[in-house]
Amino acid sequence: TLETVHGRKDITTVISQLQKSEGEKLNLTAALHLERLRLRNLQLDVGEGGRGGGGSDDRTVRLLKDGIQTLEQKISGVVEAINEVLEELRCIAADENE
């Protein structure tokens, strides 16, 4: 396959990268929503006096919050990658229009 055209990656390769990044973002976003839901449910359960775990619940809350933060950072990185790919597509389109 042609890997580069005029020193740039082939448009199909760039679009493939975009699709991969978008899929990764979708998966991370779904995981983030699940973690937020788990945290909310745990906090509601604890708030209602549901489980008597005490320290165990505190540890779980910390773990969920850490997981949420990690997922948010990963999503941010993927969004940056998506923006870079979109910029590359803009450059390819601009070159084609010249």
C-alpha atoms as a PDB file:
ATOM      1  CA  THR A   1       0.000   0.000   0.000  1.00  0.00           C
ATOM      2  CA  LEU A   2       1.029   3.571  -0.462  1.00  0.00           C
ATOM      3  CA  GLU A   3       2.169   4.819   2.917  1.00  0.00           C
ATOM      4  CA  THR A   4       2.839   8.433   1.952  1.00  0.00           C
ATOM      5  CA  VAL A   5       1.785  10.826  -0.743  1.00  0.00           C
ATOM      6  CA  HIS A   6       3.761  14.041  -1.096  1.00  0.00           C
ATOM      7  CA  GLY A   7       5.503  13.405   2.240  1.00  0.00           C
ATOM      8  CA  ARG A   8       2.197  12.921   4.059  1.00  0.00           C
ATOM      9  CA  LYS A   9       0.465   9.804   5.233  1.00  0.00           C
ATOM     10  CA  ASP A  10      -2.077   8.377   2.866  1.00  0.00           C
ATOM     11  CA  ILE A  11      -5.570   9.672   3.645  1.00  0.00           C
ATOM     12  CA  THR A  12      -6.899   6.153   4.269  1.00  0.00           C
ATOM     13  CA  THR A  13      -4.220   5.642   6.937  1.00  0.00           C
ATOM     14  CA  VAL A  14      -5.160   8.938   8.582  1.00  0.00           C
ATOM     15  CA  ILE A  15      -8.867   8.116   8.522  1.00  0.00           C
ATOM     16  CA  SER A  16      -8.089   4.698   9.976  1.00  0.00           C
ATOM     17  CA  GLN A  17      -6.196   6.376  12.827  1.00  0.00           C
ATOM     18  CA  LEU A  18      -9.167   8.677  13.410  1.00  0.00           C
ATOM     19  CA  GLN A  19     -11.602   5.757  13.562  1.00  0.00           C
ATOM     20  CA  LYS A  20      -9.359   3.884  15.992  1.00  0.00           C
ATOM     21  CA  SER A  21      -9.040   6.921  18.259  1.00  0.00           C
ATOM     22  CA  GLU A  22     -12.789   7.584  18.141  1.00  0.00           C
ATOM     23  CA  GLY A  23     -13.457   3.954  19.101  1.00  0.00           C
ATOM     24  CA  GLU A  24     -11.022   4.207  21.992  1.00  0.00           C
ATOM     25  CA  LYS A  25     -12.674   7.434  23.163  1.00  0.00           C
ATOM     26  CA  LEU A  26     -16.088   5.771  23.028  1.00  0.00           C
ATOM     27  CA  ASN A  27     -14.879   2.822  25.129  1.00  0.00           C
ATOM     28  CA  LEU A  28     -13.177   5.092  27.670  1.00  0.00           C
ATOM     29  CA  THR A  29     -16.251   7.327  27.902  1.00  0.00           C
ATOM     30  CA  ALA A  30     -18.478   4.304  28.555  1.00  0.00           C
ATOM     31  CA  ALA A  31     -16.069   3.086  31.248  1.00  0.00           C
ATOM     32  CA  LEU A  32     -16.048   6.571  32.797  1.00  0.00           C
ATOM     33  CA  HIS A  33     -19.844   6.652  32.962  1.00  0.00           C
ATOM     34  CA  LEU A  34     -19.893   3.218  34.613  1.00  0.00           C
ATOM     35  CA  GLU A  35     -17.328   4.268  37.230  1.00  0.00           C
ATOM     36  CA  ARG A  36     -19.272   7.465  37.979  1.00  0.00           C
ATOM     37  CA  LEU A  37     -22.454   5.415  38.318  1.00  0.00           C
ATOM     38  CA  ARG A  38     -20.731   2.956  40.664  1.00  0.00           C
ATOM     39  CA  LEU A  39     -19.433   5.833  42.773  1.00  0.00           C
ATOM     40  CA  ARG A  40     -22.835   7.509  42.908  1.00  0.00           C
ATOM     41  CA  ASN A  41     -24.565   4.259  43.849  1.00  0.00           C
ATOM     42  CA  LEU A  42     -21.997   3.549  46.546  1.00  0.00           C
ATOM     43  CA  GLN A  43     -22.338   7.043  47.981  1.00  0.00           C
ATOM     44  CA  LEU A  44     -26.133   6.763  47.987  1.00  0.00           C
ATOM     45  CA  ASP A  45     -25.943   3.340  49.631  1.00  0.00           C
ATOM     46  CA  VAL A  46     -23.566   4.599  52.316  1.00  0.00           C
ATOM     47  CA  GLY A  47     -25.627   7.773  52.785  1.00  0.00           C
ATOM     48  CA  GLU A  48     -28.728   5.695  53.448  1.00  0.00           C
ATOM     49  CA  GLY A  49     -26.859   3.550  55.927  1.00  0.00           C
ATOM     50  CA  GLY A  50     -27.048   0.590  53.578  1.00  0.00           C
ATOM     51  CA  ARG A  51     -23.756  -1.169  54.101  1.00  0.00           C
ATOM     52  CA  GLY A  52     -21.878  -1.123  57.346  1.00  0.00           C
ATOM     53  CA  GLY A  53     -18.434  -1.483  55.758  1.00  0.00           C
ATOM     54  CA  GLY A  54     -17.156   1.896  56.943  1.00  0.00           C
ATOM     55  CA  GLY A  55     -13.456   1.808  56.098  1.00  0.00           C
ATOM     56  CA  SER A  56     -14.027  -0.607  53.270  1.00  0.00           C
ATOM     57  CA  ASP A  57     -16.482   1.851  51.675  1.00  0.00           C
ATOM     58  CA  ASP A  58     -13.982   4.706  52.088  1.00  0.00           C
ATOM     59  CA  ARG A  59     -11.344   2.643  50.323  1.00  0.00           C
ATOM     60  CA  THR A  60     -13.756   1.756  47.520  1.00  0.00           C
ATOM     61  CA  VAL A  61     -14.735   5.417  47.094  1.00  0.00           C
ATOM     62  CA  ARG A  62     -11.048   6.365  46.851  1.00  0.00           C
ATOM     63  CA  LEU A  63     -10.414   3.632  44.287  1.00  0.00           C
ATOM     64  CA  LEU A  64     -13.409   4.691  42.201  1.00  0.00           C
ATOM     65  CA  LYS A  65     -12.360   8.358  42.317  1.00  0.00           C
ATOM     66  CA  ASP A  66      -8.816   7.410  41.280  1.00  0.00           C
ATOM     67  CA  GLY A  67     -10.210   5.307  38.437  1.00  0.00           C
ATOM     68  CA  ILE A  68     -12.415   8.191  37.313  1.00  0.00           C
ATOM     69  CA  GLN A  69      -9.456  10.561  37.311  1.00  0.00           C
ATOM     70  CA  THR A  70      -7.345   8.105  35.314  1.00  0.00           C
ATOM     71  CA  LEU A  71     -10.121   7.618  32.750  1.00  0.00           C
ATOM     72  CA  GLU A  72     -10.574  11.393  32.410  1.00  0.00           C
ATOM     73  CA  GLN A  73      -6.841  11.774  31.748  1.00  0.00           C
ATOM     74  CA  LYS A  74      -6.902   8.986  29.159  1.00  0.00           C
ATOM     75  CA  ILE A  75      -9.902  10.570  27.429  1.00  0.00           C
ATOM     76  CA  SER A  76      -8.097  13.900  27.356  1.00  0.00           C
ATOM     77  CA  GLY A  77      -5.101  12.257  25.691  1.00  0.00           C
ATOM     78  CA  VAL A  78      -7.293  10.552  23.110  1.00  0.00           C
ATOM     79  CA  VAL A  79      -9.083  13.842  22.353  1.00  0.00           C
ATOM     80  CA  GLU A  80      -5.681  15.452  21.732  1.00  0.00           C
ATOM     81  CA  ALA A  81      -4.780  12.605  19.370  1.00  0.00           C
ATOM     82  CA  ILE A  82      -8.122  13.026  17.555  1.00  0.00           C
ATOM     83  CA  ASN A  83      -7.499  16.759  17.160  1.00  0.00           C
ATOM     84  CA  GLU A  84      -4.035  16.075  15.726  1.00  0.00           C
ATOM     85  CA  VAL A  85      -5.484  13.627  13.203  1.00  0.00           C
ATOM     86  CA  LEU A  86      -8.200  16.123  12.247  1.00  0.00           C
ATOM     87  CA  GLU A  87      -5.538  18.783  11.719  1.00  0.00           C
ATOM     88  CA  GLU A  88      -3.614  16.370   9.496  1.00  0.00           C
ATOM     89  CA  LEU A  89      -6.784  15.771   7.474  1.00  0.00           C
ATOM     90  CA  ARG A  90      -7.257  19.537   7.117  1.00  0.00           C
ATOM     91  CA  CYS A  91      -3.697  19.821   5.787  1.00  0.00           C
ATOM     92  CA  ILE A  92      -4.281  16.994   3.311  1.00  0.00           C
ATOM     93  CA  ALA A  93      -7.510  18.652   2.143  1.00  0.00           C
ATOM     94  CA  ALA A  94      -5.773  22.022   1.781  1.00  0.00           C
ATOM     95  CA  ASP A  95      -2.994  20.398  -0.300  1.00  0.00           C
ATOM     96  CA  GLU A  96      -5.589  18.736  -2.539  1.00  0.00           C
ATOM     97  CA  ASN A  97      -7.328  22.080  -3.142  1.00  0.00           C
ATOM     98  CA  GLU A  98      -4.127  23.796  -4.306  1.00  0.00           C
END
